[in-house]
Amino acid sequence: MKAYSIEFREKIVKTYEQGDTSVRKVAQRFDVSKAFVQKILKQKKITGHVQPKKTGGSLKSVLHSFTTKLIEMVEKHPDSTLSEYCEYWLDSYQQSVS
């Protein structure tokens, strides 16, 4: 999901800061969650801006750098079960995987 624009976020903050309203009413008015309004109000208070934080990024598996060794293991023991592969990996590389 794409982040809300900075202009939209600023409009939400401005509406709340003008007073005479609640977080819940602002959320209803802009059709966003109460938690989102609270989050950007807190962000504005702490950082002074409402820019969306960087999203995404991927977590790499601990086995990512061992791709070649994994392929060799499977080719060497093609009929093994997953639990047998895990045991083999632990015995060979002292690294527990599941």
PDB file of N, CA and C in Angstrom:
ATOM      1  N   MET A   1       0.838  -1.172   0.000  1.00  0.00           N
ATOM      2  CA  MET A   1       0.000   0.000   0.000  1.00  0.00           C
ATOM      3  C   MET A   1       0.887   1.241   0.000  1.00  0.00           C
ATOM      4  N   LYS A   2       0.540   2.185  -0.840  1.00  0.00           N
ATOM      5  CA  LYS A   2       1.318   3.405  -0.951  1.00  0.00           C
ATOM      6  C   LYS A   2       1.026   4.322   0.236  1.00  0.00           C
ATOM      7  N   ALA A   3       2.041   5.020   0.702  1.00  0.00           N
ATOM      8  CA  ALA A   3       1.891   5.932   1.834  1.00  0.00           C
ATOM      9  C   ALA A   3       1.041   7.136   1.428  1.00  0.00           C
ATOM     10  N   TYR A   4       0.321   7.681   2.397  1.00  0.00           N
ATOM     11  CA  TYR A   4      -0.443   8.898   2.151  1.00  0.00           C
ATOM     12  C   TYR A   4       0.523  10.040   1.846  1.00  0.00           C
ATOM     13  N   SER A   5       0.087  10.971   1.000  1.00  0.00           N
ATOM     14  CA  SER A   5       0.937  12.090   0.619  1.00  0.00           C
ATOM     15  C   SER A   5       1.210  12.997   1.818  1.00  0.00           C
ATOM     16  N   ILE A   6       2.288  13.736   1.715  1.00  0.00           N
ATOM     17  CA  ILE A   6       2.668  14.671   2.771  1.00  0.00           C
ATOM     18  C   ILE A   6       1.585  15.746   2.919  1.00  0.00           C
ATOM     19  N   GLU A   7       1.028  16.196   1.793  1.00  0.00           N
ATOM     20  CA  GLU A   7      -0.017  17.223   1.833  1.00  0.00           C
ATOM     21  C   GLU A   7      -1.235  16.728   2.612  1.00  0.00           C
ATOM     22  N   PHE A   8      -1.628  15.486   2.368  1.00  0.00           N
ATOM     23  CA  PHE A   8      -2.764  14.897   3.070  1.00  0.00           C
ATOM     24  C   PHE A   8      -2.480  14.792   4.564  1.00  0.00           C
ATOM     25  N   ARG A   9      -1.287  14.353   4.899  1.00  0.00           N
ATOM     26  CA  ARG A   9      -0.892  14.231   6.304  1.00  0.00           C
ATOM     27  C   ARG A   9      -0.892  15.603   6.989  1.00  0.00           C
ATOM     28  N   GLU A  10      -0.358  16.604   6.296  1.00  0.00           N
ATOM     29  CA  GLU A  10      -0.323  17.950   6.865  1.00  0.00           C
ATOM     30  C   GLU A  10      -1.725  18.510   7.064  1.00  0.00           C
ATOM     31  N   LYS A  11      -2.630  18.181   6.145  1.00  0.00           N
ATOM     32  CA  LYS A  11      -4.010  18.634   6.261  1.00  0.00           C
ATOM     33  C   LYS A  11      -4.675  18.029   7.503  1.00  0.00           C
ATOM     34  N   ILE A  12      -4.390  16.774   7.776  1.00  0.00           N
ATOM     35  CA  ILE A  12      -4.930  16.106   8.961  1.00  0.00           C
ATOM     36  C   ILE A  12      -4.399  16.787  10.224  1.00  0.00           C
ATOM     37  N   VAL A  13      -3.089  17.028  10.272  1.00  0.00           N
ATOM     38  CA  VAL A  13      -2.476  17.666  11.443  1.00  0.00           C
ATOM     39  C   VAL A  13      -3.043  19.072  11.625  1.00  0.00           C
ATOM     40  N   LYS A  14      -3.143  19.821  10.539  1.00  0.00           N
ATOM     41  CA  LYS A  14      -3.651  21.195  10.611  1.00  0.00           C
ATOM     42  C   LYS A  14      -5.088  21.214  11.134  1.00  0.00           C
ATOM     43  N   THR A  15      -5.915  20.307  10.655  1.00  0.00           N
ATOM     44  CA  THR A  15      -7.305  20.237  11.111  1.00  0.00           C
ATOM     45  C   THR A  15      -7.369  19.956  12.600  1.00  0.00           C
ATOM     46  N   TYR A  16      -6.552  19.049  13.070  1.00  0.00           N
ATOM     47  CA  TYR A  16      -6.547  18.740  14.501  1.00  0.00           C
ATOM     48  C   TYR A  16      -6.025  19.915  15.315  1.00  0.00           C
ATOM     49  N   GLU A  17      -4.954  20.540  14.839  1.00  0.00           N
ATOM     50  CA  GLU A  17      -4.330  21.632  15.596  1.00  0.00           C
ATOM     51  C   GLU A  17      -5.190  22.891  15.648  1.00  0.00           C
ATOM     52  N   GLN A  18      -6.126  23.037  14.719  1.00  0.00           N
ATOM     53  CA  GLN A  18      -7.024  24.185  14.749  1.00  0.00           C
ATOM     54  C   GLN A  18      -7.969  24.098  15.944  1.00  0.00           C
ATOM     55  N   GLY A  19      -7.995  22.927  16.551  1.00  0.00           N
ATOM     56  CA  GLY A  19      -8.744  22.748  17.790  1.00  0.00           C
ATOM     57  C   GLY A  19     -10.216  22.485  17.570  1.00  0.00           C
ATOM     58  N   ASP A  20     -10.905  22.373  18.699  1.00  0.00           N
ATOM     59  CA  ASP A  20     -12.348  22.165  18.703  1.00  0.00           C
ATOM     60  C   ASP A  20     -12.758  20.856  18.029  1.00  0.00           C
ATOM     61  N   THR A  21     -11.872  19.873  18.044  1.00  0.00           N
ATOM     62  CA  THR A  21     -12.207  18.573  17.473  1.00  0.00           C
ATOM     63  C   THR A  21     -11.402  17.494  18.188  1.00  0.00           C
ATOM     64  N   SER A  22     -11.778  16.258  17.957  1.00  0.00           N
ATOM     65  CA  SER A  22     -11.078  15.140  18.583  1.00  0.00           C
ATOM     66  C   SER A  22     -10.352  14.327  17.515  1.00  0.00           C
ATOM     67  N   VAL A  23      -9.470  13.484  17.969  1.00  0.00           N
ATOM     68  CA  VAL A  23      -8.747  12.596  17.059  1.00  0.00           C
ATOM     69  C   VAL A  23      -9.739  11.723  16.300  1.00  0.00           C
ATOM     70  N   ARG A  24     -10.725  11.214  17.015  1.00  0.00           N
ATOM     71  CA  ARG A  24     -11.726  10.342  16.393  1.00  0.00           C
ATOM     72  C   ARG A  24     -12.487  11.073  15.281  1.00  0.00           C
ATOM     73  N   LYS A  25     -12.872  12.322  15.529  1.00  0.00           N
ATOM     74  CA  LYS A  25     -13.608  13.085  14.512  1.00  0.00           C
ATOM     75  C   LYS A  25     -12.739  13.394  13.301  1.00  0.00           C
ATOM     76  N   VAL A  26     -11.472  13.700  13.534  1.00  0.00           N
ATOM     77  CA  VAL A  26     -10.549  13.941  12.419  1.00  0.00           C
ATOM     78  C   VAL A  26     -10.399  12.669  11.592  1.00  0.00           C
ATOM     79  N   ALA A  27     -10.263  11.544  12.258  1.00  0.00           N
ATOM     80  CA  ALA A  27     -10.132  10.266  11.554  1.00  0.00           C
ATOM     81  C   ALA A  27     -11.370   9.990  10.707  1.00  0.00           C
ATOM     82  N   GLN A  28     -12.535  10.229  11.257  1.00  0.00           N
ATOM     83  CA  GLN A  28     -13.772  10.015  10.494  1.00  0.00           C
ATOM     84  C   GLN A  28     -13.852  10.967   9.306  1.00  0.00           C
ATOM     85  N   ARG A  29     -13.494  12.211   9.530  1.00  0.00           N
ATOM     86  CA  ARG A  29     -13.572  13.216   8.463  1.00  0.00           C
ATOM     87  C   ARG A  29     -12.695  12.849   7.266  1.00  0.00           C
ATOM     88  N   PHE A  30     -11.497  12.335   7.546  1.00  0.00           N
ATOM     89  CA  PHE A  30     -10.565  12.012   6.466  1.00  0.00           C
ATOM     90  C   PHE A  30     -10.574  10.530   6.084  1.00  0.00           C
ATOM     91  N   ASP A  31     -11.457   9.770   6.710  1.00  0.00           N
ATOM     92  CA  ASP A  31     -11.614   8.343   6.413  1.00  0.00           C
ATOM     93  C   ASP A  31     -10.303   7.566   6.597  1.00  0.00           C
ATOM     94  N   VAL A  32      -9.667   7.812   7.731  1.00  0.00           N
ATOM     95  CA  VAL A  32      -8.476   7.071   8.128  1.00  0.00           C
ATOM     96  C   VAL A  32      -8.710   6.537   9.535  1.00  0.00           C
ATOM     97  N   SER A  33      -7.827   5.715  10.008  1.00  0.00           N
ATOM     98  CA  SER A  33      -7.996   5.160  11.350  1.00  0.00           C
ATOM     99  C   SER A  33      -7.582   6.173  12.409  1.00  0.00           C
ATOM    100  N   LYS A  34      -8.150   5.998  13.577  1.00  0.00           N
ATOM    101  CA  LYS A  34      -7.787   6.836  14.725  1.00  0.00           C
ATOM    102  C   LYS A  34      -6.299   6.661  15.029  1.00  0.00           C
ATOM    103  N   ALA A  35      -5.820   5.432  14.930  1.00  0.00           N
ATOM    104  CA  ALA A  35      -4.411   5.139  15.200  1.00  0.00           C
ATOM    105  C   ALA A  35      -3.493   5.888  14.236  1.00  0.00           C
ATOM    106  N   PHE A  36      -3.911   6.008  12.976  1.00  0.00           N
ATOM    107  CA  PHE A  36      -3.089   6.737  12.002  1.00  0.00           C
ATOM    108  C   PHE A  36      -2.983   8.204  12.389  1.00  0.00           C
ATOM    109  N   VAL A  37      -4.105   8.804  12.762  1.00  0.00           N
ATOM    110  CA  VAL A  37      -4.089  10.212  13.176  1.00  0.00           C
ATOM    111  C   VAL A  37      -3.182  10.382  14.386  1.00  0.00           C
ATOM    112  N   GLN A  38      -3.321   9.501  15.363  1.00  0.00           N
ATOM    113  CA  GLN A  38      -2.473   9.577  16.554  1.00  0.00           C
ATOM    114  C   GLN A  38      -1.000   9.442  16.180  1.00  0.00           C
ATOM    115  N   LYS A  39      -0.709   8.539  15.248  1.00  0.00           N
ATOM    116  CA  LYS A  39       0.672   8.297  14.836  1.00  0.00           C
ATOM    117  C   LYS A  39       1.284   9.530  14.183  1.00  0.00           C
ATOM    118  N   ILE A  40       0.563  10.175  13.275  1.00  0.00           N
ATOM    119  CA  ILE A  40       1.179  11.334  12.607  1.00  0.00           C
ATOM    120  C   ILE A  40       1.221  12.552  13.523  1.00  0.00           C
ATOM    121  N   LEU A  41       0.283  12.660  14.457  1.00  0.00           N
ATOM    122  CA  LEU A  41       0.361  13.754  15.436  1.00  0.00           C
ATOM    123  C   LEU A  41       1.588  13.578  16.327  1.00  0.00           C
ATOM    124  N   LYS A  42       1.830  12.342  16.740  1.00  0.00           N
ATOM    125  CA  LYS A  42       3.006  12.056  17.569  1.00  0.00           C
ATOM    126  C   LYS A  42       4.289  12.296  16.771  1.00  0.00           C
ATOM    127  N   GLN A  43       4.296  11.853  15.519  1.00  0.00           N
ATOM    128  CA  GLN A  43       5.465  12.046  14.664  1.00  0.00           C
ATOM    129  C   GLN A  43       5.754  13.534  14.481  1.00  0.00           C
ATOM    130  N   LYS A  44       4.711  14.323  14.258  1.00  0.00           N
ATOM    131  CA  LYS A  44       4.881  15.774  14.081  1.00  0.00           C
ATOM    132  C   LYS A  44       5.459  16.393  15.348  1.00  0.00           C
ATOM    133  N   LYS A  45       4.966  15.958  16.504  1.00  0.00           N
ATOM    134  CA  LYS A  45       5.432  16.497  17.781  1.00  0.00           C
ATOM    135  C   LYS A  45       6.905  16.153  18.024  1.00  0.00           C
ATOM    136  N   ILE A  46       7.292  14.931  17.714  1.00  0.00           N
ATOM    137  CA  ILE A  46       8.651  14.459  17.998  1.00  0.00           C
ATOM    138  C   ILE A  46       9.666  14.922  16.951  1.00  0.00           C
ATOM    139  N   THR A  47       9.312  14.766  15.671  1.00  0.00           N
ATOM    140  CA  THR A  47      10.286  15.041  14.610  1.00  0.00           C
ATOM    141  C   THR A  47      10.097  16.398  13.940  1.00  0.00           C
ATOM    142  N   GLY A  48       8.901  16.975  14.081  1.00  0.00           N
ATOM    143  CA  GLY A  48       8.629  18.256  13.437  1.00  0.00           C
ATOM    144  C   GLY A  48       8.154  18.141  12.007  1.00  0.00           C
ATOM    145  N   HIS A  49       7.992  16.920  11.516  1.00  0.00           N
ATOM    146  CA  HIS A  49       7.482  16.720  10.153  1.00  0.00           C
ATOM    147  C   HIS A  49       6.563  15.501  10.124  1.00  0.00           C
ATOM    148  N   VAL A  50       5.887  15.352   8.986  1.00  0.00           N
ATOM    149  CA  VAL A  50       4.956  14.222   8.848  1.00  0.00           C
ATOM    150  C   VAL A  50       5.298  13.358   7.634  1.00  0.00           C
ATOM    151  N   GLN A  51       6.537  13.417   7.212  1.00  0.00           N
ATOM    152  CA  GLN A  51       6.953  12.612   6.062  1.00  0.00           C
ATOM    153  C   GLN A  51       6.821  11.127   6.387  1.00  0.00           C
ATOM    154  N   PRO A  52       6.340  10.351   5.415  1.00  0.00           N
ATOM    155  CA  PRO A  52       6.230   8.915   5.672  1.00  0.00           C
ATOM    156  C   PRO A  52       7.610   8.302   5.869  1.00  0.00           C
ATOM    157  N   LYS A  53       7.650   7.313   6.735  1.00  0.00           N
ATOM    158  CA  LYS A  53       8.913   6.609   6.969  1.00  0.00           C
ATOM    159  C   LYS A  53       9.182   5.680   5.801  1.00  0.00           C
ATOM    160  N   LYS A  54      10.422   5.348   5.640  1.00  0.00           N
ATOM    161  CA  LYS A  54      10.812   4.437   4.570  1.00  0.00           C
ATOM    162  C   LYS A  54      10.143   3.086   4.797  1.00  0.00           C
ATOM    163  N   THR A  55       9.580   2.548   3.747  1.00  0.00           N
ATOM    164  CA  THR A  55       8.904   1.259   3.854  1.00  0.00           C
ATOM    165  C   THR A  55       9.690   0.177   3.133  1.00  0.00           C
ATOM    166  N   GLY A  56       9.281  -1.036   3.381  1.00  0.00           N
ATOM    167  CA  GLY A  56       9.854  -2.156   2.664  1.00  0.00           C
ATOM    168  C   GLY A  56      11.185  -2.588   3.206  1.00  0.00           C
ATOM    169  N   GLY A  57      12.002  -2.998   2.306  1.00  0.00           N
ATOM    170  CA  GLY A  57      13.252  -3.611   2.716  1.00  0.00           C
ATOM    171  C   GLY A  57      12.963  -5.084   2.948  1.00  0.00           C
ATOM    172  N   SER A  58      13.903  -5.878   2.740  1.00  0.00           N
ATOM    173  CA  SER A  58      13.640  -7.301   2.938  1.00  0.00           C
ATOM    174  C   SER A  58      14.632  -7.872   3.934  1.00  0.00           C
ATOM    175  N   LEU A  59      14.127  -8.764   4.714  1.00  0.00           N
ATOM    176  CA  LEU A  59      14.985  -9.476   5.648  1.00  0.00           C
ATOM    177  C   LEU A  59      15.542 -10.692   4.933  1.00  0.00           C
ATOM    178  N   LYS A  60      16.809 -10.814   4.947  1.00  0.00           N
ATOM    179  CA  LYS A  60      17.426 -11.963   4.297  1.00  0.00           C
ATOM    180  C   LYS A  60      17.535 -13.106   5.290  1.00  0.00           C
ATOM    181  N   SER A  61      17.336 -14.282   4.787  1.00  0.00           N
ATOM    182  CA  SER A  61      17.452 -15.483   5.591  1.00  0.00           C
ATOM    183  C   SER A  61      18.898 -15.655   6.048  1.00  0.00           C
ATOM    184  N   VAL A  62      19.065 -16.305   7.189  1.00  0.00           N
ATOM    185  CA  VAL A  62      20.422 -16.601   7.647  1.00  0.00           C
ATOM    186  C   VAL A  62      21.118 -17.542   6.669  1.00  0.00           C
ATOM    187  N   LEU A  63      20.339 -18.220   5.853  1.00  0.00           N
ATOM    188  CA  LEU A  63      20.902 -19.155   4.873  1.00  0.00           C
ATOM    189  C   LEU A  63      21.179 -18.513   3.520  1.00  0.00           C
ATOM    190  N   HIS A  64      20.856 -17.239   3.384  1.00  0.00           N
ATOM    191  CA  HIS A  64      20.990 -16.562   2.098  1.00  0.00           C
ATOM    192  C   HIS A  64      22.389 -16.701   1.492  1.00  0.00           C
ATOM    193  N   SER A  65      23.404 -16.574   2.303  1.00  0.00           N
ATOM    194  CA  SER A  65      24.773 -16.643   1.789  1.00  0.00           C
ATOM    195  C   SER A  65      25.262 -18.084   1.598  1.00  0.00           C
ATOM    196  N   PHE A  66      24.424 -19.064   1.942  1.00  0.00           N
ATOM    197  CA  PHE A  66      24.808 -20.472   1.820  1.00  0.00           C
ATOM    198  C   PHE A  66      24.067 -21.182   0.691  1.00  0.00           C
ATOM    199  N   THR A  67      23.580 -20.450  -0.287  1.00  0.00           N
ATOM    200  CA  THR A  67      22.774 -21.037  -1.355  1.00  0.00           C
ATOM    201  C   THR A  67      23.481 -22.201  -2.033  1.00  0.00           C
ATOM    202  N   THR A  68      24.734 -22.027  -2.370  1.00  0.00           N
ATOM    203  CA  THR A  68      25.490 -23.080  -3.057  1.00  0.00           C
ATOM    204  C   THR A  68      25.589 -24.327  -2.184  1.00  0.00           C
ATOM    205  N   LYS A  69      25.866 -24.144  -0.900  1.00  0.00           N
ATOM    206  CA  LYS A  69      25.993 -25.283   0.012  1.00  0.00           C
ATOM    207  C   LYS A  69      24.648 -25.989   0.193  1.00  0.00           C
ATOM    208  N   LEU A  70      23.555 -25.223   0.200  1.00  0.00           N
ATOM    209  CA  LEU A  70      22.223 -25.833   0.308  1.00  0.00           C
ATOM    210  C   LEU A  70      21.922 -26.698  -0.917  1.00  0.00           C
ATOM    211  N   ILE A  71      22.246 -26.170  -2.075  1.00  0.00           N
ATOM    212  CA  ILE A  71      22.016 -26.922  -3.321  1.00  0.00           C
ATOM    213  C   ILE A  71      22.842 -28.212  -3.311  1.00  0.00           C
ATOM    214  N   GLU A  72      24.089 -28.122  -2.895  1.00  0.00           N
ATOM    215  CA  GLU A  72      24.948 -29.311  -2.824  1.00  0.00           C
ATOM    216  C   GLU A  72      24.376 -30.339  -1.858  1.00  0.00           C
ATOM    217  N   MET A  73      23.868 -29.869  -0.720  1.00  0.00           N
ATOM    218  CA  MET A  73      23.302 -30.770   0.279  1.00  0.00           C
ATOM    219  C   MET A  73      22.095 -31.515  -0.289  1.00  0.00           C
ATOM    220  N   VAL A  74      21.220 -30.804  -0.979  1.00  0.00           N
ATOM    221  CA  VAL A  74      20.017 -31.429  -1.530  1.00  0.00           C
ATOM    222  C   VAL A  74      20.381 -32.388  -2.659  1.00  0.00           C
ATOM    223  N   GLU A  75      21.362 -32.019  -3.478  1.00  0.00           N
ATOM    224  CA  GLU A  75      21.794 -32.916  -4.551  1.00  0.00           C
ATOM    225  C   GLU A  75      22.446 -34.177  -3.995  1.00  0.00           C
ATOM    226  N   LYS A  76      23.172 -34.031  -2.889  1.00  0.00           N
ATOM    227  CA  LYS A  76      23.846 -35.168  -2.267  1.00  0.00           C
ATOM    228  C   LYS A  76      22.856 -36.096  -1.560  1.00  0.00           C
ATOM    229  N   HIS A  77      21.785 -35.526  -0.988  1.00  0.00           N
ATOM    230  CA  HIS A  77      20.782 -36.296  -0.240  1.00  0.00           C
ATOM    231  C   HIS A  77      19.374 -35.955  -0.754  1.00  0.00           C
ATOM    232  N   PRO A  78      19.050 -36.358  -1.986  1.00  0.00           N
ATOM    233  CA  PRO A  78      17.776 -35.933  -2.587  1.00  0.00           C
ATOM    234  C   PRO A  78      16.521 -36.509  -1.912  1.00  0.00           C
ATOM    235  N   ASP A  79      16.639 -37.609  -1.205  1.00  0.00           N
ATOM    236  CA  ASP A  79      15.464 -38.234  -0.597  1.00  0.00           C
ATOM    237  C   ASP A  79      15.297 -37.900   0.882  1.00  0.00           C
ATOM    238  N   SER A  80      16.068 -36.972   1.387  1.00  0.00           N
ATOM    239  CA  SER A  80      15.983 -36.631   2.803  1.00  0.00           C
ATOM    240  C   SER A  80      14.735 -35.799   3.094  1.00  0.00           C
ATOM    241  N   THR A  81      14.303 -35.872   4.335  1.00  0.00           N
ATOM    242  CA  THR A  81      13.178 -35.046   4.779  1.00  0.00           C
ATOM    243  C   THR A  81      13.709 -33.698   5.256  1.00  0.00           C
ATOM    244  N   LEU A  82      12.797 -32.767   5.473  1.00  0.00           N
ATOM    245  CA  LEU A  82      13.204 -31.458   5.947  1.00  0.00           C
ATOM    246  C   LEU A  82      13.909 -31.552   7.305  1.00  0.00           C
ATOM    247  N   SER A  83      13.374 -32.365   8.190  1.00  0.00           N
ATOM    248  CA  SER A  83      14.010 -32.493   9.506  1.00  0.00           C
ATOM    249  C   SER A  83      15.407 -33.112   9.383  1.00  0.00           C
ATOM    250  N   GLU A  84      15.589 -34.025   8.439  1.00  0.00           N
ATOM    251  CA  GLU A  84      16.921 -34.600   8.217  1.00  0.00           C
ATOM    252  C   GLU A  84      17.887 -33.543   7.672  1.00  0.00           C
ATOM    253  N   TYR A  85      17.394 -32.698   6.779  1.00  0.00           N
ATOM    254  CA  TYR A  85      18.218 -31.599   6.270  1.00  0.00           C
ATOM    255  C   TYR A  85      18.631 -30.674   7.420  1.00  0.00           C
ATOM    256  N   CYS A  86      17.695 -30.380   8.294  1.00  0.00           N
ATOM    257  CA  CYS A  86      17.988 -29.499   9.431  1.00  0.00           C
ATOM    258  C   CYS A  86      19.044 -30.112  10.342  1.00  0.00           C
ATOM    259  N   GLU A  87      18.936 -31.415  10.599  1.00  0.00           N
ATOM    260  CA  GLU A  87      19.937 -32.106  11.423  1.00  0.00           C
ATOM    261  C   GLU A  87      21.303 -32.075  10.747  1.00  0.00           C
ATOM    262  N   TYR A  88      21.313 -32.368   9.452  1.00  0.00           N
ATOM    263  CA  TYR A  88      22.558 -32.352   8.697  1.00  0.00           C
ATOM    264  C   TYR A  88      23.208 -30.972   8.767  1.00  0.00           C
ATOM    265  N   TRP A  89      22.386 -29.931   8.591  1.00  0.00           N
ATOM    266  CA  TRP A  89      22.901 -28.557   8.610  1.00  0.00           C
ATOM    267  C   TRP A  89      23.510 -28.220   9.970  1.00  0.00           C
ATOM    268  N   LEU A  90      22.823 -28.628  11.025  1.00  0.00           N
ATOM    269  CA  LEU A  90      23.330 -28.381  12.374  1.00  0.00           C
ATOM    270  C   LEU A  90      24.650 -29.113  12.596  1.00  0.00           C
ATOM    271  N   ASP A  91      24.719 -30.375  12.179  1.00  0.00           N
ATOM    272  CA  ASP A  91      25.951 -31.146  12.344  1.00  0.00           C
ATOM    273  C   ASP A  91      27.104 -30.557  11.517  1.00  0.00           C
ATOM    274  N   SER A  92      26.809 -30.116  10.314  1.00  0.00           N
ATOM    275  CA  SER A  92      27.856 -29.639   9.414  1.00  0.00           C
ATOM    276  C   SER A  92      28.296 -28.203   9.700  1.00  0.00           C
ATOM    277  N   TYR A  93      27.358 -27.336  10.054  1.00  0.00           N
ATOM    278  CA  TYR A  93      27.666 -25.913  10.144  1.00  0.00           C
ATOM    279  C   TYR A  93      27.373 -25.290  11.531  1.00  0.00           C
ATOM    280  N   GLN A  94      26.998 -26.122  12.488  1.00  0.00           N
ATOM    281  CA  GLN A  94      26.687 -25.665  13.860  1.00  0.00           C
ATOM    282  C   GLN A  94      25.708 -24.475  13.847  1.00  0.00           C
ATOM    283  N   GLN A  95      24.726 -24.589  12.970  1.00  0.00           N
ATOM    284  CA  GLN A  95      23.717 -23.547  12.835  1.00  0.00           C
ATOM    285  C   GLN A  95      22.349 -24.213  12.786  1.00  0.00           C
ATOM    286  N   SER A  96      21.521 -23.916  13.783  1.00  0.00           N
ATOM    287  CA  SER A  96      20.203 -24.523  13.854  1.00  0.00           C
ATOM    288  C   SER A  96      19.234 -23.804  12.928  1.00  0.00           C
ATOM    289  N   VAL A  97      18.560 -24.572  12.089  1.00  0.00           N
ATOM    290  CA  VAL A  97      17.548 -24.035  11.166  1.00  0.00           C
ATOM    291  C   VAL A  97      16.296 -24.887  11.256  1.00  0.00           C
ATOM    292  N   SER A  98      15.217 -24.342  10.761  1.00  0.00           N
ATOM    293  CA  SER A  98      13.966 -25.127  10.777  1.00  0.00           C
ATOM    294  C   SER A  98      13.189 -24.886   9.504  1.00  0.00           C
TER     295      SER A  98
END
